[in-house]
Amino acid sequence: MAGPHVAMVNACTRYGKGGSPTTVVIDDAVLIDDERHAIALNAGTSHTAFIDSSTADAPRVRFFTSTGELPNCGHGTIAAQAVLLDRSGTTEHHGRQRSGGRTFATTAIRRHDGIEVWFDQGVIALSDHAGATGGGIIAALGLERADIAADLRVASPGTPRLLVPVRDRRTLLSMQPDFDWVATECRLLGYLGCFTYALPPTARTGTARMFAPAIGVDEDIANANSVGCLAAHLLDTYGISAIEIHQGDTHQSPSSVFASATHTADGIVARIGGVVDLGQPQRDRPATRRPPPPTTGTHARL
């Protein structure tokens, strides 16, 4: 029997180019987790989103990487909502999605250069990074103290990640982390990964790189949830409420993620957006359903 069909799309493109290659599978709960993991292993992309659209109210979307399931994925959500809008044949949709134990609002709009998607990330918890443990991560990233532009910050929309400001874009793009070391430090401290960025305090557009080898992604081309975390930090620290962050340049796949942050009674909440290139020639390929080799899944909210 033929398996479910997949779409290969580029999430969070920049000016109609690049983006993060992402696999989206219309699952509708017909697969088992071993099959989902096998598809993710063989897809050739860092992340795979599995959509159960059998419930009309709020489709459930699950995310897998080569190491296992993630409760959430920002650019995977953007990719999934773009595919759902494309399949509907409409030009705009305002709906909801269930992922990571919560239901949140989504918006998808068809544009000339792709499908623009926004989603509500929810409350971002912010805390200061303990300086006593910062040296190991800084060294693992291939940085020195002089390369750090401001205080490190921990931000969490569900799973903590370290926000690392570097002095300039040149320093950022020349980084050569020791990925094994970064993975060890992140596991020790309970971090999903390290989101390093170059952004002057008063600027609204910057560059970033996300290193998450602890969950099997050495460097992410687009990490939308971390951009939302950065927006929350910038609102809290400098009063900046909206940003655009570029990633993917070191992989020759430029990406762009938009985020805005707002103070609420529950804390700082963020909203994240990006544009998806549907990659028409690659769409609707049958998925491989052979089981993966034994592995220990990593559970994190990317």
Protein backbone atom coordinates (compact mmCIF):
# COMPACT_ATOMS: atom_id res chain seq x y z
CA MET A 1 0.00 0.00 0.00
CA ALA A 2 1.33 3.44 -0.87
CA GLY A 3 2.34 5.52 2.11
CA PRO A 4 1.24 9.06 2.90
CA HIS A 5 2.43 11.83 0.64
CA VAL A 6 5.01 14.42 1.58
CA ALA A 7 5.78 17.97 0.52
CA MET A 8 9.33 19.27 0.43
CA VAL A 9 9.22 23.03 1.05
CA ASN A 10 11.60 25.83 1.94
CA ALA A 11 10.53 27.57 5.13
CA CYS A 12 11.43 31.14 6.07
CA THR A 13 12.83 32.26 2.74
CA ARG A 14 14.56 35.62 2.34
CA TYR A 15 13.42 37.82 -0.53
CA GLY A 16 12.06 34.76 -2.33
CA LYS A 17 15.25 32.70 -2.08
CA GLY A 18 16.86 30.13 0.23
CA GLY A 19 14.99 29.06 3.32
CA SER A 20 15.21 25.94 5.45
CA PRO A 21 14.34 22.73 3.55
CA THR A 22 11.55 21.10 5.54
CA THR A 23 9.55 17.92 4.99
CA VAL A 24 5.80 18.03 5.63
CA VAL A 25 3.77 14.81 5.76
CA ILE A 26 -0.02 14.61 5.75
CA ASP A 27 -0.14 11.89 8.37
CA ASP A 28 -3.75 11.81 9.65
CA ALA A 29 -2.63 9.35 12.36
CA VAL A 30 -2.09 6.43 9.96
CA LEU A 31 1.60 6.07 10.87
CA ILE A 32 3.25 4.72 13.97
CA ASP A 33 6.15 6.57 15.58
CA ASP A 34 8.80 4.19 14.20
CA GLU A 35 7.52 4.97 10.70
CA ARG A 36 7.57 8.70 11.39
CA HIS A 37 11.14 8.45 12.62
CA ALA A 38 12.11 6.44 9.54
CA ILE A 39 10.63 9.08 7.24
CA ALA A 40 12.52 11.81 9.12
CA LEU A 41 15.75 9.83 8.83
CA ASN A 42 15.36 9.40 5.08
CA ALA A 43 13.83 12.74 4.16
CA GLY A 44 17.12 14.56 3.67
CA THR A 45 15.97 17.58 5.70
CA SER A 46 16.77 18.49 9.30
CA HIS A 47 13.11 18.48 10.41
CA THR A 48 9.91 16.72 9.37
CA ALA A 49 6.41 17.89 10.32
CA PHE A 50 3.58 15.33 10.50
CA ILE A 51 0.07 16.76 10.19
CA ASP A 52 -3.07 15.04 11.43
CA SER A 53 -5.76 17.07 9.71
CA SER A 54 -8.55 14.58 10.41
CA THR A 55 -9.93 16.96 13.04
CA ALA A 56 -11.14 20.14 11.37
CA ASP A 57 -10.93 22.35 14.46
CA ALA A 58 -7.17 22.38 15.13
CA PRO A 59 -4.86 20.00 13.25
CA ARG A 60 -2.27 18.26 15.41
CA VAL A 61 1.28 18.68 14.13
CA ARG A 62 4.21 16.62 15.40
CA PHE A 63 7.90 17.10 14.60
CA PHE A 64 10.76 14.64 14.18
CA THR A 65 14.49 14.99 13.54
CA SER A 66 17.06 12.23 13.00
CA THR A 67 17.33 11.75 16.78
CA GLY A 68 13.65 11.59 17.67
CA GLU A 69 10.57 13.69 18.32
CA LEU A 70 10.46 17.39 19.21
CA PRO A 71 7.36 18.71 20.99
CA ASN A 72 7.53 21.82 18.82
CA CYS A 73 9.39 23.43 15.93
CA GLY A 74 8.96 27.01 14.78
CA HIS A 75 9.93 26.76 11.12
CA GLY A 76 8.21 23.36 10.98
CA THR A 77 4.98 25.04 12.09
CA ILE A 78 5.41 27.70 9.40
CA ALA A 79 5.99 24.98 6.77
CA ALA A 80 3.01 22.89 7.93
CA GLN A 81 0.57 25.79 7.86
CA ALA A 82 1.73 26.79 4.38
CA VAL A 83 1.10 23.27 3.08
CA LEU A 84 -2.36 23.20 4.68
CA LEU A 85 -3.30 26.49 3.02
CA ASP A 86 -2.00 25.27 -0.33
CA ARG A 87 -4.01 22.06 -0.10
CA SER A 88 -7.16 24.04 0.77
CA GLY A 89 -6.95 26.04 -2.45
CA THR A 90 -7.82 29.27 -0.61
CA THR A 91 -5.78 32.45 -0.39
CA GLU A 92 -5.97 33.08 3.36
CA HIS A 93 -6.69 31.12 6.52
CA HIS A 94 -6.91 32.02 10.20
CA GLY A 95 -6.92 28.89 12.32
CA ARG A 96 -5.32 26.98 15.16
CA GLN A 97 -2.73 24.23 15.60
CA ARG A 98 -2.08 21.70 18.36
CA SER A 99 1.58 20.98 19.16
CA GLY A 100 3.65 20.55 22.28
CA GLY A 101 0.66 20.21 24.59
CA ARG A 102 -0.96 23.53 23.64
CA THR A 103 -3.27 24.99 21.00
CA PHE A 104 -2.33 28.29 19.40
CA ALA A 105 -3.49 30.67 16.68
CA THR A 106 -2.07 30.61 13.15
CA THR A 107 -2.47 32.78 10.06
CA ALA A 108 -1.50 31.85 6.49
CA ILE A 109 -1.75 34.18 3.48
CA ARG A 110 -0.86 33.44 -0.13
CA ARG A 111 1.58 35.97 -1.63
CA HIS A 112 3.31 36.35 -4.98
CA ASP A 113 6.55 34.94 -3.55
CA GLY A 114 5.10 32.13 -1.44
CA ILE A 115 2.85 31.71 1.58
CA GLU A 116 3.33 33.98 4.57
CA VAL A 117 2.62 32.31 7.92
CA TRP A 118 2.40 33.72 11.45
CA PHE A 119 1.79 31.87 14.70
CA ASP A 120 1.50 32.70 18.39
CA GLN A 121 4.51 31.33 20.26
CA GLY A 122 3.14 31.98 23.73
CA VAL A 123 4.90 33.16 26.89
CA ILE A 124 8.71 33.33 26.85
CA ALA A 125 10.45 32.77 30.19
CA LEU A 126 13.65 34.80 30.56
CA SER A 127 16.44 34.39 33.08
CA ASP A 128 20.06 35.45 33.49
CA HIS A 129 22.79 32.97 32.61
CA ALA A 130 25.04 31.89 35.47
CA GLY A 131 28.45 33.38 34.67
CA ALA A 132 30.26 30.56 36.44
CA THR A 133 29.18 28.10 33.76
CA GLY A 134 29.42 30.41 30.77
CA GLY A 135 33.09 29.84 29.99
CA GLY A 136 32.65 26.27 28.83
CA ILE A 137 29.93 27.09 26.34
CA ILE A 138 31.75 30.17 25.06
CA ALA A 139 34.89 28.13 24.42
CA ALA A 140 32.89 25.30 22.82
CA LEU A 141 31.40 27.83 20.42
CA GLY A 142 34.91 28.85 19.38
CA LEU A 143 34.56 32.27 21.01
CA GLU A 144 36.54 34.27 23.53
CA ARG A 145 35.18 36.57 26.22
CA ALA A 146 36.15 39.59 24.11
CA ASP A 147 33.79 38.33 21.37
CA ILE A 148 30.74 38.60 23.64
CA ALA A 149 28.87 41.89 23.19
CA ALA A 150 26.54 41.79 26.22
CA ASP A 151 25.27 39.53 28.99
CA LEU A 152 24.17 36.02 28.06
CA ARG A 153 20.48 35.26 28.57
CA VAL A 154 18.46 32.07 28.90
CA ALA A 155 15.10 32.11 27.11
CA SER A 156 12.47 29.39 27.08
CA PRO A 157 9.18 28.98 25.23
CA GLY A 158 9.11 25.47 26.73
CA THR A 159 12.73 24.34 26.57
CA PRO A 160 15.61 26.69 27.51
CA ARG A 161 18.18 27.85 25.01
CA LEU A 162 21.13 30.22 25.52
CA LEU A 163 21.09 33.59 23.77
CA VAL A 164 24.67 34.62 22.97
CA PRO A 165 25.28 38.15 21.61
CA VAL A 166 28.53 38.54 19.66
CA ARG A 167 30.24 41.81 18.82
CA ASP A 168 29.62 41.89 15.07
CA ARG A 169 28.43 39.96 12.02
CA ARG A 170 31.96 39.08 10.95
CA THR A 171 32.63 37.39 14.28
CA LEU A 172 29.34 35.53 14.01
CA LEU A 173 29.92 34.20 10.50
CA SER A 174 33.49 33.13 11.25
CA MET A 175 32.52 30.96 14.24
CA GLN A 176 33.66 27.33 14.11
CA PRO A 177 32.09 25.53 17.08
CA ASP A 178 33.21 22.18 18.43
CA PHE A 179 29.84 20.50 18.04
CA ASP A 180 30.58 17.56 20.33
CA TRP A 181 31.66 19.97 23.04
CA VAL A 182 28.63 22.21 22.50
CA ALA A 183 26.34 19.17 22.76
CA THR A 184 28.01 18.10 26.02
CA GLU A 185 27.73 21.58 27.56
CA CYS A 186 24.09 21.97 26.49
CA ARG A 187 23.11 18.59 27.89
CA LEU A 188 24.93 19.39 31.14
CA LEU A 189 23.09 22.70 31.55
CA GLY A 190 19.75 21.56 30.14
CA TYR A 191 19.80 23.79 27.07
CA LEU A 192 18.29 22.97 23.71
CA GLY A 193 21.16 24.82 22.03
CA CYS A 194 22.93 28.14 21.61
CA PHE A 195 21.39 30.96 19.59
CA THR A 196 24.24 33.31 18.72
CA TYR A 197 23.40 36.65 17.16
CA ALA A 198 24.83 39.98 16.02
CA LEU A 199 22.40 42.83 16.53
CA PRO A 200 23.23 46.37 17.69
CA PRO A 201 21.03 47.38 20.67
CA THR A 202 18.93 49.86 18.67
CA ALA A 203 18.70 47.85 15.43
CA ARG A 204 15.71 45.82 14.29
CA THR A 205 17.44 43.62 11.69
CA GLY A 206 20.28 41.28 12.58
CA THR A 207 22.04 38.01 11.83
CA ALA A 208 22.02 34.82 13.87
CA ARG A 209 23.23 31.21 13.94
CA MET A 210 21.60 28.42 15.95
CA PHE A 211 23.72 25.49 17.13
CA ALA A 212 21.76 22.53 18.54
CA PRO A 213 23.95 19.40 18.18
CA ALA A 214 22.44 17.98 21.38
CA ILE A 215 19.26 17.24 19.39
CA GLY A 216 21.03 16.20 16.20
CA VAL A 217 21.09 19.57 14.41
CA ASP A 218 24.61 21.01 14.34
CA GLU A 219 23.41 24.27 12.79
CA ASP A 220 19.85 25.20 11.94
CA ILE A 221 19.24 27.20 8.76
CA ALA A 222 16.21 28.86 10.37
CA ASN A 223 15.26 28.61 14.02
CA ALA A 224 12.02 30.51 14.36
CA ASN A 225 11.34 29.78 18.03
CA SER A 226 14.73 31.21 19.01
CA VAL A 227 13.97 34.38 17.05
CA GLY A 228 10.81 34.72 19.13
CA CYS A 229 12.93 34.25 22.25
CA LEU A 230 15.30 36.97 21.07
CA ALA A 231 12.36 39.31 20.45
CA ALA A 232 11.19 38.74 24.03
CA HIS A 233 14.69 39.46 25.37
CA LEU A 234 15.02 42.65 23.30
CA LEU A 235 11.63 43.90 24.46
CA ASP A 236 12.55 43.18 28.06
CA THR A 237 16.01 44.76 27.80
CA TYR A 238 15.77 47.56 25.22
CA GLY A 239 12.06 48.06 24.55
CA ILE A 240 12.37 46.81 20.94
CA SER A 241 9.14 45.05 20.00
CA ALA A 242 9.71 43.76 16.43
CA ILE A 243 12.72 42.27 14.62
CA GLU A 244 13.82 40.48 11.45
CA ILE A 245 16.63 37.94 11.82
CA HIS A 246 18.68 36.48 8.96
CA GLN A 247 20.18 32.99 9.17
CA GLY A 248 21.49 30.36 6.77
CA ASP A 249 24.24 32.41 5.11
CA THR A 250 26.98 29.97 6.11
CA HIS A 251 25.00 27.23 4.32
CA GLN A 252 24.34 29.33 1.19
CA SER A 253 20.64 29.14 2.00
CA PRO A 254 19.58 32.58 3.25
CA SER A 255 16.59 32.60 5.58
CA SER A 256 14.58 35.28 7.31
CA VAL A 257 12.34 35.07 10.37
CA PHE A 258 10.14 37.87 11.72
CA ALA A 259 9.06 38.17 15.34
CA SER A 260 7.22 40.62 17.57
CA ALA A 261 6.92 40.61 21.35
CA THR A 262 4.32 42.07 23.68
CA HIS A 263 3.96 42.52 27.43
CA THR A 264 0.87 40.77 28.84
CA ALA A 265 -0.45 39.95 32.28
CA ASP A 266 1.05 36.46 31.92
CA GLY A 267 4.49 37.67 30.80
CA ILE A 268 6.13 38.49 27.49
CA VAL A 269 4.53 36.70 24.54
CA ALA A 270 5.90 36.47 21.01
CA ARG A 271 4.45 36.08 17.53
CA ILE A 272 6.58 34.60 14.74
CA GLY A 273 6.37 34.80 10.97
CA GLY A 274 8.05 33.61 7.79
CA VAL A 275 7.44 33.02 4.09
CA VAL A 276 7.40 29.51 2.56
CA ASP A 277 8.41 28.55 -0.96
CA LEU A 278 6.29 25.53 -1.78
CA GLY A 279 8.95 24.01 -4.04
CA GLN A 280 6.41 22.80 -6.59
CA PRO A 281 8.66 20.32 -8.47
CA GLN A 282 9.36 18.40 -5.26
CA ARG A 283 5.87 18.11 -3.87
CA ASP A 284 3.75 15.04 -3.23
CA ARG A 285 6.39 12.33 -3.25
CA PRO A 286 5.46 9.03 -1.55
CA ALA A 287 7.06 8.61 1.86
CA THR A 288 9.26 5.66 2.79
CA ARG A 289 7.78 3.65 5.65
CA ARG A 290 10.55 1.31 6.74
CA PRO A 291 11.40 1.29 10.48
CA PRO A 292 14.51 3.09 11.74
CA PRO A 293 17.42 1.53 13.61
CA PRO A 294 17.16 1.61 17.42
CA THR A 295 17.82 5.08 18.79
CA THR A 296 17.17 7.16 21.87
CA GLY A 297 14.80 9.98 21.06
CA THR A 298 15.59 13.51 22.16
CA HIS A 299 12.60 15.48 23.36
CA ALA A 300 12.93 19.25 23.13
CA ARG A 301 10.95 22.20 21.94
CA LEU A 302 12.93 23.71 19.13
